[in-house]
N, C-alpha and C. Protein backbone atom coordinates (compact mmCIF):
# COMPACT_ATOMS: atom_id res chain seq x y z
N ALA A 1 0.70 -1.06 -0.70
CA ALA A 1 0.02 -0.13 0.05
C ALA A 1 0.88 1.79 0.00
N SER A 2 0.56 2.15 -0.68
CA SER A 2 1.28 3.67 -0.31
C SER A 2 0.83 4.50 -0.26
N SER A 3 0.96 5.60 0.03
CA SER A 3 0.13 7.53 -0.53
C SER A 3 1.15 8.28 -0.51
N ARG A 4 0.39 9.12 -1.04
CA ARG A 4 1.42 9.60 -1.51
C ARG A 4 0.43 11.76 -1.95
N ARG A 5 0.87 12.52 -1.66
CA ARG A 5 0.62 13.99 -1.60
C ARG A 5 1.20 15.12 -2.93
N PRO A 6 -0.54 15.63 -4.33
CA PRO A 6 -0.33 15.90 -5.38
C PRO A 6 1.01 17.05 -5.31
N GLN A 7 2.02 17.63 -6.18
CA GLN A 7 3.07 18.49 -5.96
C GLN A 7 2.51 19.41 -6.62
N HIS A 8 2.47 20.54 -6.13
CA HIS A 8 1.89 21.62 -7.33
C HIS A 8 2.67 22.42 -7.10
N PHE A 9 3.72 22.76 -7.89
CA PHE A 9 4.92 23.77 -8.19
C PHE A 9 3.82 25.65 -8.22
N PHE A 10 4.56 26.24 -7.67
CA PHE A 10 4.12 27.90 -7.42
C PHE A 10 4.53 28.59 -8.51
N ASN A 11 5.44 28.20 -8.80
CA ASN A 11 6.66 28.62 -10.56
C ASN A 11 5.07 28.79 -12.12
N PRO A 12 5.30 29.56 -12.82
CA PRO A 12 4.65 29.35 -13.50
C PRO A 12 4.81 28.14 -14.38
N ASP A 13 4.38 27.49 -15.62
CA ASP A 13 4.96 26.05 -16.79
C ASP A 13 5.95 27.23 -17.76
N PRO A 14 7.42 26.63 -18.00
CA PRO A 14 7.93 28.07 -19.09
C PRO A 14 6.96 28.21 -20.62
N ILE A 15 5.66 26.95 -20.51
CA ILE A 15 5.07 27.15 -21.59
C ILE A 15 3.97 27.96 -22.66
N GLN A 16 3.23 27.96 -20.46
CA GLN A 16 2.63 28.84 -19.59
C GLN A 16 2.20 30.16 -20.00
N HIS A 17 3.81 30.64 -19.61
CA HIS A 17 3.91 32.10 -19.55
C HIS A 17 4.50 32.05 -20.08
N ASN A 18 5.51 32.29 -21.36
CA ASN A 18 5.44 32.17 -23.15
C ASN A 18 4.31 32.91 -23.50
N LEU A 19 3.46 31.96 -22.93
CA LEU A 19 1.98 32.20 -24.18
C LEU A 19 0.59 32.68 -22.75
N GLY A 20 1.01 33.83 -22.41
CA GLY A 20 0.22 34.47 -21.26
C GLY A 20 -0.42 33.14 -20.75
N LEU A 21 -0.78 32.18 -20.60
CA LEU A 21 -1.80 31.41 -19.62
C LEU A 21 -1.82 31.28 -17.87
N SER A 22 -0.59 31.80 -17.32
CA SER A 22 -0.26 31.54 -16.33
C SER A 22 -1.75 31.05 -15.34
N ARG A 23 -1.89 31.91 -15.69
CA ARG A 23 -3.54 32.06 -14.15
C ARG A 23 -4.19 31.79 -15.03
N SER A 24 -4.55 30.80 -16.54
CA SER A 24 -5.96 31.06 -16.90
C SER A 24 -6.04 29.58 -16.93
N TYR A 25 -4.84 29.07 -17.62
CA TYR A 25 -5.04 28.02 -17.85
C TYR A 25 -4.21 26.65 -16.62
N PRO A 26 -4.73 25.21 -16.16
CA PRO A 26 -3.69 24.85 -14.93
C PRO A 26 -2.71 24.66 -14.96
N ASP A 27 -0.77 24.04 -14.81
CA ASP A 27 -0.09 23.46 -15.02
C ASP A 27 -0.29 22.27 -15.71
N GLU A 28 0.45 21.43 -16.48
CA GLU A 28 0.38 20.45 -16.53
C GLU A 28 0.33 19.03 -15.30
N GLN A 29 0.72 19.58 -14.82
CA GLN A 29 2.11 18.79 -13.00
C GLN A 29 -0.35 19.08 -12.18
N ARG A 30 -0.12 20.37 -12.17
CA ARG A 30 -2.24 20.18 -11.56
C ARG A 30 -3.12 19.15 -12.18
N PHE A 31 -2.85 20.20 -13.10
CA PHE A 31 -4.05 18.30 -14.24
C PHE A 31 -3.61 16.67 -13.64
N PHE A 32 -2.55 16.33 -13.90
CA PHE A 32 -1.67 15.13 -14.02
C PHE A 32 -2.52 14.68 -12.51
N PHE A 33 -1.77 16.14 -11.54
CA PHE A 33 -2.16 15.27 -9.65
C PHE A 33 -3.47 14.75 -9.51
N ASP A 34 -4.53 16.17 -10.52
CA ASP A 34 -5.53 16.65 -9.54
C ASP A 34 -6.44 16.19 -10.17
N HIS A 35 -6.72 15.42 -11.47
CA HIS A 35 -7.86 14.43 -12.05
C HIS A 35 -6.62 13.37 -12.57
N LEU A 36 -5.64 13.55 -13.33
CA LEU A 36 -5.90 11.84 -14.46
C LEU A 36 -5.18 11.00 -13.38
N GLN A 37 -4.39 11.10 -12.02
CA GLN A 37 -3.62 10.02 -11.22
C GLN A 37 -5.34 9.93 -10.39
N PRO A 38 -6.49 10.59 -9.63
CA PRO A 38 -7.43 10.00 -8.91
C PRO A 38 -7.75 9.17 -10.26
N ALA A 39 -8.68 9.25 -11.93
CA ALA A 39 -9.11 8.02 -12.50
C ALA A 39 -8.63 7.44 -12.18
N ARG A 40 -6.97 7.33 -12.98
CA ARG A 40 -6.58 5.91 -12.84
C ARG A 40 -6.39 5.43 -11.69
N ASP A 41 -6.33 6.20 -10.15
CA ASP A 41 -6.65 5.20 -9.18
C ASP A 41 -7.63 4.63 -9.12
N GLY A 42 -9.02 5.23 -9.64
CA GLY A 42 -10.04 4.52 -9.97
C GLY A 42 -10.60 2.85 -10.44
N TRP A 43 -9.62 3.21 -11.01
CA TRP A 43 -9.03 1.18 -11.99
C TRP A 43 -7.66 0.72 -11.25
N GLY A 44 -7.33 1.16 -10.19
CA GLY A 44 -6.43 0.57 -9.75
C GLY A 44 -4.78 0.65 -9.76
N ILE A 45 -4.38 1.85 -11.10
CA ILE A 45 -3.84 1.46 -12.41
C ILE A 45 -2.88 2.68 -11.59
N ALA A 46 -3.17 3.57 -10.35
CA ALA A 46 -2.55 4.82 -10.22
C ALA A 46 -1.78 4.74 -9.63
N PHE A 47 -0.40 5.04 -9.77
CA PHE A 47 1.79 4.75 -9.84
C PHE A 47 2.09 6.14 -8.89
N CYS A 48 2.67 5.17 -7.98
CA CYS A 48 3.89 6.30 -7.54
C CYS A 48 4.69 7.08 -8.19
N CYS A 49 4.95 9.30 -8.22
CA CYS A 49 5.94 8.83 -9.00
C CYS A 49 5.66 10.26 -8.08
N GLY A 50 7.65 10.67 -8.45
CA GLY A 50 7.63 11.73 -6.66
C GLY A 50 7.96 11.83 -5.91
N THR A 51 8.17 12.72 -4.92
CA THR A 51 8.64 12.86 -3.83
C THR A 51 7.72 13.12 -2.61
N SER A 52 7.12 12.81 -1.39
CA SER A 52 5.40 12.69 -0.68
C SER A 52 5.29 11.98 -0.39
N SER A 53 6.26 10.44 -1.04
CA SER A 53 4.72 9.51 -0.57
C SER A 53 5.59 8.96 0.72
N VAL A 54 4.83 7.73 1.03
CA VAL A 54 4.65 6.71 1.80
C VAL A 54 4.01 5.25 1.45
N MET A 55 5.33 4.14 1.90
CA MET A 55 4.93 3.13 1.00
C MET A 55 5.61 1.96 2.63
N ARG A 56 4.16 1.21 1.98
CA ARG A 56 3.52 -0.47 3.66
C ARG A 56 4.97 -0.51 3.52
N PHE A 57 5.85 -1.02 3.67
CA PHE A 57 6.75 -1.87 4.40
C PHE A 57 6.39 -3.08 3.98
N ALA A 58 6.63 -4.06 4.65
CA ALA A 58 5.35 -4.62 4.15
C ALA A 58 5.18 -5.29 2.48
N GLY A 59 4.18 -4.51 2.34
CA GLY A 59 3.20 -4.86 0.99
C GLY A 59 4.58 -4.60 0.34
N LEU A 60 5.70 -3.83 0.37
CA LEU A 60 7.10 -4.34 -0.58
C LEU A 60 7.84 -5.55 -0.44
N ARG A 61 7.90 -5.51 1.22
CA ARG A 61 8.40 -6.87 0.97
C ARG A 61 7.84 -8.01 0.26
N GLU A 62 5.99 -7.94 0.09
CA GLU A 62 5.69 -9.39 -0.12
C GLU A 62 5.75 -8.94 -2.23
N ILE A 63 6.29 -7.73 -2.25
CA ILE A 63 6.10 -7.93 -3.95
C ILE A 63 8.11 -7.96 -3.95
N GLY A 64 9.12 -7.96 -3.19
CA GLY A 64 10.17 -7.69 -3.86
C GLY A 64 10.84 -6.63 -3.33
N PHE A 65 10.11 -5.62 -2.46
CA PHE A 65 10.88 -4.85 -2.95
C PHE A 65 11.15 -3.69 -4.18
N PHE A 66 11.50 -2.96 -4.46
CA PHE A 66 12.05 -2.29 -5.89
C PHE A 66 12.21 -2.19 -6.68
N PRO A 67 12.23 -3.63 -7.89
CA PRO A 67 13.27 -4.27 -9.23
C PRO A 67 15.15 -3.41 -8.76
N THR A 68 15.74 -3.48 -8.83
CA THR A 68 17.03 -3.05 -8.57
C THR A 68 18.42 -3.47 -10.30
N ASP A 69 17.28 -4.89 -11.24
CA ASP A 69 18.03 -4.52 -12.59
C ASP A 69 17.38 -4.22 -13.39
N SER A 70 18.15 -3.98 -14.26
CA SER A 70 16.99 -3.59 -15.89
C SER A 70 17.26 -4.46 -17.05
């Protein structure tokens, strides 16, 4: 089991800033964490990304922890 908090940045996205959309259009990160990840969670396919997440050690042990080979 895992839990995470969304990542939200206060600096405008460079593309939004250049297009003058930083106040009227949500940045890609906000859209991803506010809309896409919750929708993915509803299907049981959300994934951990970024910082501020907590993992249950027993759950990680059950699946053999994180893969370390490629």
